[in-house]
Amino acid sequence: MTTPEPRQNGRKRAAAAGDEAVRKDDALMVNSVEKAFRVLSAFGRQHQTLNLSQVASETGMDVSAAQRFTHTLTKLGYLRKDAQTKRFELTAKTLDLGYHFVRSSRLLDRAMPYLMHLSKETEETVNLTVREGTEIIFVSRFLSRHVLNTDVIIGTRMPAYCTAPGIAMLSRLPEEEAMAIIDASDLKAHTPSTTWRRDALREKLRQSAAQGYATAFEEVYLGDASIAAVVVDHHGRPEGAVNIATSTSRFSHAEVISRFSSLVIATAHAISRV
């Protein structure tokens, strides 16, 4: 099974370099806050625990700075340090930010009853995602008994260009704006079925805009089928996307579209602020 998880380490280092440039141009930027979040973001599936030198390497800090920030975050309860191994790991307190997002998000508040209804009606996995930069983030997920990808949880990030929700959201933007996002993406084939060439992606955006939904068949995970429609704000810009995820072993491409396209479009429209 191909997974985009390993990309995150490179993304973190690239983000750190980009943040350095931002700090130089922003007089209001509090550098210590940015560095604290950089330390927290160094941990993940590929790095569940880190020693001090690894924290320094992942964040681009020197060891002395990494020591100060890990000590502070440990005192605040966001990191735990093993007394024997001297390795750090995240604590459950880091979930607080995610909890506050879930409780305060107006999009999630509007969407929840419609997502629950769609889940019950289809008995398939139903997701709500938002876009951040070149990626989508899963912010709500209702699993079915047929779930294929148990690695995907709330907070998981995937490239927008090769996912149905990502294409659905990009297709609602002006074409040149959408293509600029694609040009900034790390375009590559995750599977033999991935659409990743620039011209093919432009055509896919146009097709998705015309039909009102986007599809992705085995573009990130083998055996995965997804269909999505965009949720728009009161300006008509993409605010998120609803998608239904199922398996190519259970439904053909045509069956996914015939069974679920009208349902996912109706759900996205009900959540939209138009």
Protein backbone atom coordinates (compact mmCIF):
# COMPACT_ATOMS: atom_id res chain seq x y z
CA MET A 1 0.00 0.00 0.00
CA THR A 2 1.44 3.37 -0.99
CA THR A 3 1.12 6.12 1.63
CA PRO A 4 2.03 9.81 1.59
CA GLU A 5 3.21 9.84 5.22
CA PRO A 6 6.98 9.88 4.52
CA ARG A 7 6.57 13.17 2.65
CA GLN A 8 5.84 14.94 5.91
CA ASN A 9 9.43 15.08 7.12
CA GLY A 10 10.55 16.85 3.97
CA ARG A 11 7.56 19.15 4.21
CA LYS A 12 8.48 20.06 7.78
CA ARG A 13 12.02 21.00 6.79
CA ALA A 14 10.77 23.00 3.81
CA ALA A 15 8.24 24.74 6.04
CA ALA A 16 10.97 25.61 8.52
CA ALA A 17 13.00 27.26 5.75
CA GLY A 18 9.93 29.12 4.55
CA ASP A 19 9.11 30.26 8.08
CA GLU A 20 12.63 31.67 8.41
CA ALA A 21 11.96 33.91 5.43
CA VAL A 22 8.58 34.95 6.84
CA ARG A 23 10.10 35.89 10.20
CA LYS A 24 12.61 38.25 8.56
CA ASP A 25 9.80 40.17 6.86
CA ASP A 26 7.29 40.24 9.75
CA ALA A 27 8.05 42.59 12.63
CA LEU A 28 5.08 41.26 14.63
CA MET A 29 6.20 37.63 14.39
CA VAL A 30 7.00 36.10 17.81
CA ASN A 31 9.87 33.80 16.93
CA SER A 32 9.74 31.79 20.13
CA VAL A 33 6.11 30.81 19.49
CA GLU A 34 6.95 29.69 15.96
CA LYS A 35 9.88 27.63 17.24
CA ALA A 36 7.76 25.96 19.91
CA PHE A 37 5.26 24.82 17.29
CA ARG A 38 8.13 23.71 15.08
CA VAL A 39 9.29 21.39 17.89
CA LEU A 40 5.81 19.94 18.38
CA SER A 41 5.44 19.42 14.62
CA ALA A 42 8.66 17.42 14.48
CA PHE A 43 6.89 14.46 16.06
CA GLY A 44 4.67 12.17 14.02
CA ARG A 45 4.21 8.69 12.70
CA GLN A 46 7.78 8.51 11.43
CA HIS A 47 9.19 10.02 14.62
CA GLN A 48 7.09 8.97 17.60
CA THR A 49 10.00 9.69 19.95
CA LEU A 50 13.05 11.92 19.45
CA ASN A 51 16.20 12.59 21.39
CA LEU A 52 17.56 16.11 21.75
CA SER A 53 19.92 15.98 18.78
CA GLN A 54 17.12 14.61 16.57
CA VAL A 55 14.81 17.44 17.64
CA ALA A 56 17.53 19.90 16.69
CA SER A 57 18.03 18.22 13.31
CA GLU A 58 14.31 18.04 12.49
CA THR A 59 13.65 21.67 13.43
CA GLY A 60 16.83 23.28 12.11
CA MET A 61 17.77 24.58 15.56
CA ASP A 62 21.05 24.20 17.35
CA VAL A 63 21.12 21.79 20.29
CA SER A 64 21.10 24.55 22.88
CA ALA A 65 17.90 26.09 21.48
CA ALA A 66 16.29 22.65 21.11
CA GLN A 67 17.09 21.95 24.75
CA ARG A 68 15.39 25.16 25.93
CA PHE A 69 12.26 24.53 23.90
CA THR A 70 11.91 20.86 24.79
CA HIS A 71 12.42 21.72 28.46
CA THR A 72 9.73 24.43 28.33
CA LEU A 73 7.25 22.23 26.47
CA THR A 74 7.88 19.42 28.94
CA LYS A 75 7.21 21.77 31.87
CA LEU A 76 3.99 22.90 30.18
CA GLY A 77 2.89 19.30 29.74
CA TYR A 78 3.02 19.04 25.94
CA LEU A 79 6.10 16.79 25.88
CA ARG A 80 7.13 13.87 28.07
CA LYS A 81 10.77 12.92 28.60
CA ASP A 82 11.72 9.34 29.38
CA ALA A 83 14.05 9.40 32.37
CA GLN A 84 16.06 6.42 31.11
CA THR A 85 16.27 6.90 27.34
CA LYS A 86 16.16 10.74 27.45
CA ARG A 87 13.80 10.64 24.47
CA PHE A 88 10.84 12.99 24.12
CA GLU A 89 7.30 12.20 22.98
CA LEU A 90 4.06 14.12 22.65
CA THR A 91 1.49 13.94 25.45
CA ALA A 92 -2.29 13.81 25.21
CA LYS A 93 -2.36 17.50 26.09
CA THR A 94 -1.40 18.28 22.48
CA LEU A 95 -4.91 17.13 21.54
CA ASP A 96 -6.31 20.25 23.19
CA LEU A 97 -5.83 22.41 20.08
CA GLY A 98 -7.60 19.87 17.91
CA TYR A 99 -10.43 19.61 20.43
CA HIS A 100 -10.88 23.38 20.48
CA PHE A 101 -10.97 23.41 16.67
CA VAL A 102 -13.66 20.72 16.57
CA ARG A 103 -15.77 22.51 19.18
CA SER A 104 -15.44 25.96 17.60
CA SER A 105 -15.53 25.21 13.85
CA ARG A 106 -18.69 26.59 12.26
CA LEU A 107 -18.08 24.41 9.22
CA LEU A 108 -18.04 21.24 11.32
CA ASP A 109 -21.06 22.40 13.28
CA ARG A 110 -23.07 22.90 10.08
CA ALA A 111 -21.81 19.72 8.45
CA MET A 112 -22.22 17.16 11.20
CA PRO A 113 -25.93 16.29 10.81
CA TYR A 114 -25.59 16.01 7.03
CA LEU A 115 -22.46 13.86 7.26
CA MET A 116 -24.19 11.55 9.73
CA HIS A 117 -27.19 11.23 7.42
CA LEU A 118 -24.99 10.50 4.41
CA SER A 119 -23.09 7.87 6.40
CA LYS A 120 -26.29 6.10 7.44
CA GLU A 121 -27.81 6.31 3.97
CA THR A 122 -24.81 4.94 2.08
CA GLU A 123 -23.16 2.76 4.77
CA GLU A 124 -19.85 3.88 3.26
CA THR A 125 -17.00 5.91 4.73
CA VAL A 126 -17.83 9.64 4.68
CA ASN A 127 -15.24 12.39 5.16
CA LEU A 128 -15.13 16.15 5.46
CA THR A 129 -11.85 17.76 4.44
CA VAL A 130 -10.45 21.28 4.16
CA ARG A 131 -7.52 22.52 2.10
CA GLU A 132 -4.35 24.04 3.49
CA GLY A 133 -1.87 25.05 0.84
CA THR A 134 -1.22 22.13 -1.48
CA GLU A 135 -2.78 19.55 0.85
CA ILE A 136 -6.13 18.47 2.21
CA ILE A 137 -6.73 17.76 5.90
CA PHE A 138 -9.34 15.32 7.19
CA VAL A 139 -11.41 17.13 9.84
CA SER A 140 -14.30 14.65 10.20
CA ARG A 141 -14.57 10.97 9.34
CA PHE A 142 -17.40 8.45 9.62
CA LEU A 143 -16.13 4.92 9.03
CA SER A 144 -18.10 2.08 7.50
CA ARG A 145 -17.69 -1.62 8.15
CA HIS A 146 -16.13 -1.80 4.68
CA VAL A 147 -13.37 0.68 5.58
CA LEU A 148 -10.26 0.19 3.45
CA ASN A 149 -7.68 2.63 4.80
CA THR A 150 -7.51 2.53 8.59
CA ASP A 151 -4.34 4.66 8.45
CA VAL A 152 -6.43 7.70 7.54
CA ILE A 153 -7.62 9.49 10.69
CA ILE A 154 -8.75 12.99 11.60
CA GLY A 155 -5.76 15.26 11.01
CA THR A 156 -4.31 13.16 8.19
CA ARG A 157 -2.93 15.21 5.31
CA MET A 158 -2.84 14.19 1.66
CA PRO A 159 -1.84 15.97 -1.55
CA ALA A 160 -4.76 17.87 -3.04
CA TYR A 161 -3.86 17.10 -6.66
CA CYS A 162 -4.44 13.33 -6.42
CA THR A 163 -7.46 13.18 -4.11
CA ALA A 164 -11.12 13.61 -4.98
CA PRO A 165 -11.75 16.25 -2.27
CA GLY A 166 -8.64 18.17 -3.33
CA ILE A 167 -9.65 18.24 -6.99
CA ALA A 168 -13.22 19.17 -6.04
CA MET A 169 -11.99 22.18 -4.06
CA LEU A 170 -9.41 23.25 -6.65
CA SER A 171 -11.98 22.98 -9.44
CA ARG A 172 -14.06 25.71 -7.80
CA LEU A 173 -11.17 28.19 -7.85
CA PRO A 174 -10.26 30.34 -10.86
CA GLU A 175 -8.22 28.05 -13.11
CA GLU A 176 -4.96 29.93 -12.88
CA GLU A 177 -5.19 30.07 -9.09
CA ALA A 178 -5.81 26.33 -9.01
CA MET A 179 -2.92 25.66 -11.38
CA ALA A 180 -0.60 27.78 -9.22
CA ILE A 181 -1.42 25.48 -6.29
CA ILE A 182 -0.75 22.44 -8.46
CA ASP A 183 2.55 23.94 -9.64
CA ALA A 184 3.57 24.36 -5.99
CA SER A 185 2.79 20.69 -5.27
CA ASP A 186 5.23 17.80 -5.19
CA LEU A 187 3.77 16.12 -8.26
CA LYS A 188 4.51 12.41 -8.56
CA ALA A 189 2.80 9.07 -9.14
CA HIS A 190 1.86 7.43 -5.84
CA THR A 191 0.38 4.50 -7.78
CA PRO A 192 0.17 3.57 -11.48
CA SER A 193 -3.26 5.25 -11.53
CA THR A 194 -2.22 8.66 -10.16
CA THR A 195 -3.06 11.66 -12.32
CA TRP A 196 -0.01 13.86 -11.84
CA ARG A 197 0.98 15.41 -15.16
CA ARG A 198 0.17 19.13 -15.32
CA ASP A 199 -1.94 19.05 -18.52
CA ALA A 200 -3.91 16.02 -17.31
CA LEU A 201 -4.61 17.76 -14.00
CA ARG A 202 -5.83 20.88 -15.79
CA GLU A 203 -8.24 18.76 -17.80
CA LYS A 204 -9.39 16.97 -14.66
CA LEU A 205 -10.12 20.31 -12.98
CA ARG A 206 -12.20 21.43 -15.95
CA GLN A 207 -14.13 18.16 -16.05
CA SER A 208 -14.80 18.26 -12.30
CA ALA A 209 -16.00 21.86 -12.49
CA ALA A 210 -18.39 20.98 -15.30
CA GLN A 211 -19.89 17.90 -13.65
CA GLY A 212 -20.01 19.19 -10.06
CA TYR A 213 -17.99 16.37 -8.50
CA ALA A 214 -14.51 14.88 -8.61
CA THR A 215 -13.33 11.29 -8.51
CA ALA A 216 -10.10 9.52 -7.64
CA PHE A 217 -9.64 5.81 -8.27
CA GLU A 218 -6.55 4.21 -6.71
CA GLU A 219 -4.58 7.45 -7.00
CA VAL A 220 -3.05 7.33 -3.50
CA TYR A 221 -4.05 3.90 -2.18
CA LEU A 222 -4.51 0.77 -4.24
CA GLY A 223 -8.12 -0.40 -4.15
CA ASP A 224 -9.47 2.96 -3.03
CA ALA A 225 -12.34 4.74 -4.78
CA SER A 226 -13.45 8.24 -3.83
CA ILE A 227 -16.02 10.74 -5.03
CA ALA A 228 -16.27 14.28 -3.67
CA ALA A 229 -18.18 17.54 -4.01
CA VAL A 230 -17.12 20.99 -2.85
CA VAL A 231 -18.61 22.96 0.06
CA VAL A 232 -18.55 26.69 -0.68
CA ASP A 233 -18.74 29.80 1.50
CA HIS A 234 -21.02 32.78 0.95
CA HIS A 235 -18.57 34.15 -1.63
CA GLY A 236 -18.76 30.93 -3.63
CA ARG A 237 -15.20 29.93 -2.78
CA PRO A 238 -14.30 26.42 -1.59
CA GLU A 239 -14.57 26.01 2.17
CA GLY A 240 -14.19 22.22 2.25
CA ALA A 241 -15.31 19.05 0.53
CA VAL A 242 -17.48 16.05 1.31
CA ASN A 243 -16.37 12.72 -0.04
CA ILE A 244 -17.50 9.12 0.02
CA ALA A 245 -14.73 6.54 0.08
CA THR A 246 -15.28 2.95 -0.92
CA SER A 247 -13.45 0.06 -2.59
CA THR A 248 -12.84 -0.77 -6.23
CA SER A 249 -13.37 -4.42 -5.30
CA ARG A 250 -17.00 -3.64 -4.45
CA PHE A 251 -17.93 -1.03 -7.07
CA SER A 252 -16.78 -0.25 -10.58
CA HIS A 253 -15.90 3.32 -11.51
CA ALA A 254 -19.27 3.75 -13.20
CA GLU A 255 -21.14 2.35 -10.18
CA VAL A 256 -19.39 4.75 -7.80
CA ILE A 257 -20.55 7.66 -9.95
CA SER A 258 -24.10 6.41 -10.52
CA ARG A 259 -24.68 5.47 -6.87
CA PHE A 260 -23.02 8.33 -5.05
CA SER A 261 -22.56 11.44 -7.22
CA SER A 262 -26.01 12.93 -6.60
CA LEU A 263 -25.81 12.14 -2.88
CA VAL A 264 -22.42 13.74 -2.34
CA ILE A 265 -23.41 16.82 -4.38
CA ALA A 266 -26.63 17.24 -2.38
CA THR A 267 -24.80 16.90 0.92
CA ALA A 268 -22.12 19.42 -0.03
CA HIS A 269 -24.78 21.87 -1.24
CA ALA A 270 -26.72 21.51 2.03
CA ILE A 271 -23.62 22.38 4.05
CA SER A 272 -22.59 25.27 1.79
CA ARG A 273 -23.38 28.86 2.76
CA VAL A 274 -25.17 29.90 -0.41
